[in-house]
N, C-alpha and C. Protein backbone atom coordinates (compact mmCIF):
# COMPACT_ATOMS: atom_id res chain seq x y z
N MET A 1 60.86 35.20 -37.38
CA MET A 1 59.46 35.67 -36.87
C MET A 1 59.37 36.59 -36.13
N ASP A 2 59.06 38.07 -36.19
CA ASP A 2 58.54 38.52 -35.06
C ASP A 2 56.98 39.36 -35.61
N THR A 3 56.28 39.50 -34.46
CA THR A 3 55.31 40.06 -34.17
C THR A 3 54.87 40.91 -35.05
N THR A 4 55.55 42.03 -34.74
CA THR A 4 55.38 43.32 -35.41
C THR A 4 55.38 43.07 -37.30
N SER A 5 56.22 41.98 -37.85
CA SER A 5 56.76 42.16 -39.17
C SER A 5 55.42 41.37 -39.68
N LEU A 6 54.83 39.81 -39.33
CA LEU A 6 54.00 39.10 -39.28
C LEU A 6 52.42 40.18 -39.53
N ILE A 7 52.68 40.59 -38.27
CA ILE A 7 50.90 41.72 -38.14
C ILE A 7 51.33 42.42 -39.68
N ASP A 8 52.27 43.23 -40.12
CA ASP A 8 51.97 44.42 -41.10
C ASP A 8 51.83 43.06 -42.02
N SER A 9 52.23 41.91 -42.40
CA SER A 9 52.29 41.33 -43.71
C SER A 9 50.97 40.65 -43.61
N MET A 10 50.23 40.59 -42.54
CA MET A 10 48.80 40.14 -42.39
C MET A 10 47.74 41.12 -42.79
N VAL A 11 48.10 42.34 -42.27
CA VAL A 11 47.56 43.56 -42.66
C VAL A 11 47.47 43.59 -43.81
N GLU A 12 48.80 43.51 -44.52
CA GLU A 12 48.58 43.65 -46.38
C GLU A 12 48.12 42.87 -47.29
N LEU A 13 48.21 41.67 -46.86
CA LEU A 13 47.17 40.59 -47.16
C LEU A 13 45.83 40.93 -47.15
N LEU A 14 45.41 41.36 -45.62
CA LEU A 14 44.00 41.63 -45.26
C LEU A 14 43.42 43.03 -46.57
N LYS A 15 44.36 43.74 -46.64
CA LYS A 15 43.92 44.65 -47.85
C LYS A 15 43.74 44.04 -49.25
N SER A 16 44.89 43.17 -49.57
CA SER A 16 44.83 42.42 -50.61
C SER A 16 43.20 41.42 -51.20
N SER A 17 42.88 41.23 -49.59
CA SER A 17 41.78 40.35 -49.77
C SER A 17 40.26 41.07 -49.59
N LEU A 18 40.50 42.40 -49.04
CA LEU A 18 39.14 43.47 -49.38
C LEU A 18 39.18 43.99 -50.77
N ASP A 19 40.14 44.02 -51.53
CA ASP A 19 40.44 44.39 -52.97
C ASP A 19 39.83 43.43 -53.64
N ALA A 20 39.89 41.91 -53.47
CA ALA A 20 39.97 41.21 -54.23
C ALA A 20 38.75 40.82 -54.22
N HIS A 21 38.26 40.74 -52.88
CA HIS A 21 36.73 40.17 -53.01
C HIS A 21 35.47 41.27 -52.56
N GLY A 22 36.16 42.23 -53.33
CA GLY A 22 34.90 43.53 -53.37
C GLY A 22 34.61 44.24 -51.99
N GLU A 23 35.35 43.86 -50.72
CA GLU A 23 34.55 44.05 -49.70
C GLU A 23 34.90 45.54 -49.11
N GLN A 24 33.87 46.38 -49.03
CA GLN A 24 33.86 47.96 -49.25
C GLN A 24 33.04 47.67 -47.86
N HIS A 25 34.18 48.52 -46.73
CA HIS A 25 34.00 48.71 -45.04
C HIS A 25 34.52 49.76 -44.62
N ASP A 26 33.70 51.00 -43.95
CA ASP A 26 34.51 52.08 -43.07
C ASP A 26 35.25 51.16 -41.90
N ILE A 27 35.60 50.49 -41.63
CA ILE A 27 36.51 49.79 -41.38
C ILE A 27 37.91 49.59 -41.68
N ALA A 28 38.69 50.05 -40.82
CA ALA A 28 40.00 50.07 -41.69
C ALA A 28 40.79 48.87 -41.61
N ALA A 29 41.53 48.44 -42.30
CA ALA A 29 42.60 47.16 -42.33
C ALA A 29 43.45 47.29 -41.59
N ASP A 30 43.29 47.01 -40.37
CA ASP A 30 44.75 47.20 -39.31
C ASP A 30 44.67 45.66 -38.58
N ALA A 31 45.94 45.66 -37.61
CA ALA A 31 46.14 44.63 -36.78
C ALA A 31 44.45 44.23 -35.82
N ASP A 32 43.50 45.51 -35.46
CA ASP A 32 42.62 44.79 -34.70
C ASP A 32 41.29 45.17 -35.47
N ALA A 33 41.32 44.92 -36.74
CA ALA A 33 40.32 45.10 -37.48
C ALA A 33 39.62 43.00 -37.10
N PRO A 34 38.37 43.16 -37.03
CA PRO A 34 37.65 41.86 -36.41
C PRO A 34 37.85 41.08 -38.05
N LEU A 35 37.52 39.60 -37.93
CA LEU A 35 37.66 39.12 -38.59
C LEU A 35 36.26 38.02 -38.66
N ILE A 36 35.71 38.04 -37.64
CA ILE A 36 34.51 37.40 -37.39
C ILE A 36 33.30 38.15 -36.39
N GLY A 37 32.55 37.58 -36.72
CA GLY A 37 31.14 38.02 -36.15
C GLY A 37 30.29 39.46 -36.38
N GLY A 38 29.52 39.86 -36.15
CA GLY A 38 28.63 41.08 -36.56
C GLY A 38 29.51 42.12 -37.43
N ALA A 39 31.13 42.67 -36.80
CA ALA A 39 31.56 43.38 -36.94
C ALA A 39 32.34 43.46 -38.25
N ALA A 40 32.97 42.00 -38.31
CA ALA A 40 33.48 41.70 -39.35
C ALA A 40 34.35 42.25 -40.69
N VAL A 41 35.28 42.42 -40.99
CA VAL A 41 35.42 43.29 -42.44
C VAL A 41 35.38 42.06 -43.50
N LEU A 42 35.33 40.94 -43.43
CA LEU A 42 35.35 39.93 -44.53
C LEU A 42 33.98 38.82 -44.52
N SER A 43 33.62 38.93 -45.57
CA SER A 43 32.25 37.65 -45.59
C SER A 43 32.98 36.15 -45.50
N SER A 44 32.26 35.41 -45.28
CA SER A 44 32.78 34.52 -44.56
C SER A 44 33.57 33.69 -45.95
N LEU A 45 33.35 33.52 -47.34
CA LEU A 45 34.26 33.11 -48.21
C LEU A 45 35.41 33.32 -47.77
N ALA A 46 35.85 35.06 -47.99
CA ALA A 46 36.60 35.77 -47.95
C ALA A 46 37.59 35.73 -46.88
N LEU A 47 36.83 35.15 -45.62
CA LEU A 47 37.65 34.99 -44.37
C LEU A 47 38.58 33.52 -45.07
N VAL A 48 37.69 32.79 -45.28
CA VAL A 48 38.65 31.30 -45.78
C VAL A 48 39.46 31.63 -47.08
N SER A 49 39.52 32.60 -47.99
CA SER A 49 40.42 32.83 -48.87
C SER A 49 41.53 33.42 -47.96
N TYR A 50 41.45 34.47 -47.14
CA TYR A 50 42.14 35.12 -46.35
C TYR A 50 43.40 34.22 -45.40
N VAL A 51 42.69 33.21 -44.60
CA VAL A 51 43.18 32.48 -43.97
C VAL A 51 44.63 31.21 -44.70
N LEU A 52 43.90 31.21 -45.84
CA LEU A 52 44.91 30.29 -46.83
C LEU A 52 46.26 31.43 -47.05
N ASP A 53 45.69 31.99 -47.66
CA ASP A 53 46.64 33.33 -47.79
C ASP A 53 47.87 33.60 -46.99
N VAL A 54 46.94 33.50 -45.48
CA VAL A 54 48.25 33.57 -44.62
C VAL A 54 49.00 32.30 -44.36
N GLU A 55 47.96 31.34 -44.33
CA GLU A 55 49.25 29.96 -44.13
C GLU A 55 50.40 29.94 -45.67
N ALA A 56 49.75 30.19 -46.76
CA ALA A 56 50.89 30.43 -47.37
C ALA A 56 51.84 31.29 -47.70
N HIS A 57 51.89 32.62 -46.93
CA HIS A 57 52.49 33.25 -46.81
C HIS A 57 53.72 32.96 -45.48
N VAL A 58 53.25 32.74 -44.50
CA VAL A 58 54.24 31.95 -43.96
C VAL A 58 54.45 30.97 -43.90
N ASP A 59 54.21 30.00 -44.82
CA ASP A 59 55.16 28.80 -45.48
C ASP A 59 55.78 29.63 -46.84
N SER A 60 55.72 30.36 -47.49
CA SER A 60 57.05 30.85 -48.04
C SER A 60 57.79 32.00 -47.61
N GLU A 61 57.36 32.91 -46.90
CA GLU A 61 58.02 33.92 -46.09
C GLU A 61 59.20 33.14 -45.07
N PHE A 62 58.67 32.33 -44.22
CA PHE A 62 59.50 31.86 -42.88
C PHE A 62 59.41 30.47 -43.35
N GLY A 63 59.13 29.63 -44.24
CA GLY A 63 59.39 28.05 -44.22
C GLY A 63 59.17 27.52 -42.89
N MET A 64 57.64 27.65 -42.82
CA MET A 64 56.75 27.10 -42.11
C MET A 64 55.41 26.89 -42.31
N PRO A 65 55.34 25.28 -42.50
CA PRO A 65 54.15 25.13 -43.06
C PRO A 65 53.05 25.29 -42.09
N VAL A 66 51.74 25.80 -41.53
CA VAL A 66 50.94 25.73 -40.87
C VAL A 66 49.59 25.34 -41.02
N THR A 67 48.63 24.82 -40.61
CA THR A 67 47.19 24.88 -40.70
C THR A 67 46.49 25.65 -39.42
N LEU A 68 45.92 26.71 -40.17
CA LEU A 68 45.12 27.41 -38.91
C LEU A 68 43.87 26.57 -38.62
N VAL A 69 43.33 26.25 -39.34
CA VAL A 69 41.84 25.76 -38.75
C VAL A 69 42.19 24.43 -38.77
N ASN A 70 41.83 24.10 -37.30
CA ASN A 70 41.77 22.92 -37.19
C ASN A 70 41.43 22.69 -35.68
N GLU A 71 41.01 21.81 -35.35
CA GLU A 71 40.24 21.38 -34.12
C GLU A 71 40.56 21.98 -32.43
N ASP A 72 41.72 22.19 -32.56
CA ASP A 72 41.92 23.06 -31.64
C ASP A 72 41.79 24.34 -31.43
N ALA A 73 42.12 24.82 -32.84
CA ALA A 73 41.65 26.87 -33.19
C ALA A 73 39.99 26.90 -32.73
N LEU A 74 39.22 25.42 -33.70
CA LEU A 74 38.07 25.86 -33.64
C LEU A 74 37.16 25.72 -32.05
N SER A 75 37.71 24.93 -30.91
CA SER A 75 37.27 24.45 -29.84
C SER A 75 37.44 25.35 -28.88
N ARG A 76 38.59 25.92 -29.01
CA ARG A 76 39.10 27.59 -28.01
C ARG A 76 38.26 27.68 -27.28
N SER A 77 37.88 28.40 -26.17
CA SER A 77 36.81 29.32 -25.42
C SER A 77 37.02 31.53 -26.48
N LYS A 78 38.34 31.59 -26.92
CA LYS A 78 38.47 32.54 -27.25
C LYS A 78 39.33 32.45 -29.02
N SER A 79 38.22 32.48 -30.09
CA SER A 79 38.90 31.91 -31.06
C SER A 79 39.99 32.99 -31.75
N PRO A 80 40.52 32.21 -31.99
CA PRO A 80 42.04 32.63 -32.99
C PRO A 80 41.72 33.96 -34.28
N PHE A 81 40.68 33.99 -34.30
CA PHE A 81 40.19 34.49 -35.47
C PHE A 81 39.39 35.45 -35.22
N ARG A 82 39.45 35.92 -33.92
CA ARG A 82 38.94 37.51 -33.65
C ARG A 82 39.22 38.59 -34.24
N THR A 83 40.58 38.70 -34.95
CA THR A 83 41.31 40.03 -35.30
C THR A 83 42.71 39.98 -35.82
N VAL A 84 43.44 40.12 -36.29
CA VAL A 84 44.20 39.87 -36.91
C VAL A 84 45.45 39.98 -36.07
N ARG A 85 45.16 40.34 -35.26
CA ARG A 85 46.35 40.15 -33.88
C ARG A 85 46.53 39.21 -33.67
N SER A 86 45.38 38.47 -32.97
CA SER A 86 45.02 37.24 -32.40
C SER A 86 45.45 36.30 -33.33
N LEU A 87 44.95 36.65 -34.90
CA LEU A 87 45.39 35.47 -35.27
C LEU A 87 47.23 35.57 -35.48
N ALA A 88 47.36 36.53 -35.53
CA ALA A 88 49.00 36.53 -35.64
C ALA A 88 49.92 35.99 -34.38
N GLU A 89 48.83 35.98 -33.72
CA GLU A 89 49.52 35.47 -31.96
C GLU A 89 49.56 34.12 -32.55
N TYR A 90 48.65 33.81 -32.70
CA TYR A 90 48.39 31.97 -32.85
C TYR A 90 48.98 31.51 -33.64
N VAL A 91 49.72 32.15 -35.30
CA VAL A 91 49.96 31.62 -35.87
C VAL A 91 51.52 31.74 -35.22
N LEU A 92 51.91 32.64 -34.28
CA LEU A 92 53.04 32.33 -33.53
C LEU A 92 53.34 31.12 -32.46
N GLU A 93 52.42 31.20 -31.61
CA GLU A 93 51.97 29.85 -31.22
C GLU A 93 52.28 28.55 -31.97
N LEU A 94 51.60 28.43 -33.14
CA LEU A 94 51.88 27.40 -33.68
C LEU A 94 53.16 27.09 -34.41
N ALA A 95 54.18 28.25 -34.42
CA ALA A 95 55.29 28.15 -34.62
C ALA A 95 56.23 27.57 -33.80
N GLY A 96 55.68 28.05 -32.77
CA GLY A 96 56.57 27.62 -31.44
C GLY A 96 57.76 28.87 -30.54
N VAL A 97 57.26 29.97 -32.15
CA VAL A 97 57.65 31.34 -31.56
C VAL A 97 57.22 31.80 -29.97
N ALA A 98 55.86 31.97 -29.92
CA ALA A 98 55.63 32.59 -28.62
C ALA A 98 54.86 31.33 -27.76
N ASP A 99 54.71 31.99 -26.58
CA ASP A 99 54.05 31.59 -25.63
C ASP A 99 52.51 30.85 -26.14
N ALA A 100 52.10 29.61 -25.49
CA ALA A 100 51.00 29.31 -25.68
C ALA A 100 49.35 30.12 -24.81
N LYS A 101 49.04 31.42 -25.17
CA LYS A 101 48.47 32.49 -24.16
C LYS A 101 46.92 31.69 -23.87
N GLU A 102 46.42 31.52 -25.17
CA GLU A 102 44.93 30.52 -25.05
C GLU A 102 45.07 29.49 -24.12
N ASP A 103 45.94 28.27 -24.32
CA ASP A 103 45.71 27.67 -23.46
C ASP A 103 47.48 26.92 -23.65
N PRO A 104 48.07 26.90 -22.57
CA PRO A 104 48.78 26.55 -22.14
C PRO A 104 49.69 24.86 -22.17
N GLY A 105 48.04 24.39 -22.58
CA GLY A 105 48.17 22.95 -22.71
C GLY A 105 48.28 22.03 -23.91
N LEU A 106 48.35 23.40 -24.65
CA LEU A 106 48.74 22.92 -26.20
C LEU A 106 50.00 22.80 -26.85
N GLU A 107 50.57 22.06 -27.85
CA GLU A 107 51.73 21.42 -28.06
C GLU A 107 51.87 22.24 -28.97
N PRO A 108 52.48 22.86 -29.80
CA PRO A 108 52.65 23.96 -31.54
C PRO A 108 52.00 22.25 -32.39
N ARG A 109 51.99 23.02 -33.30
CA ARG A 109 51.09 22.19 -34.38
C ARG A 109 51.56 22.58 -35.57
N VAL A 110 53.21 22.30 -35.83
CA VAL A 110 52.96 22.67 -36.96
C VAL A 110 54.06 21.41 -37.90
N VAL A 111 53.65 22.03 -39.34
CA VAL A 111 53.87 20.45 -40.02
C VAL A 111 54.92 21.00 -40.56
N ARG A 112 55.80 19.99 -40.77
CA ARG A 112 57.05 20.15 -41.63
C ARG A 112 57.60 19.07 -42.74
N ALA A 113 57.20 19.98 -44.16
CA ALA A 113 57.38 19.20 -45.33
C ALA A 113 58.83 18.19 -45.03
């Protein structure tokens, strides 16, 4: 699993989510698309669906079941849900592929079946 392919996949999932939820915005679906905040490209309901789609994709494509919404993610000073890129970095962190950028004290949280 590499950052570029993961981000590309997540951008495609974002485009699908935008289409499925009828979200129409001037903001392009790309790696820096904001997922939360005033400029978010998705509604809160669509964000939940998108996160579930990302979890399912990571599991099916890479055989790594992950849970993205957890206490660690929600308690960070910088949310991993800021952009597609930051969420991809978080996925890699959980998978043990990338160094923990937000909080080096966190251990990877990969749930293996």
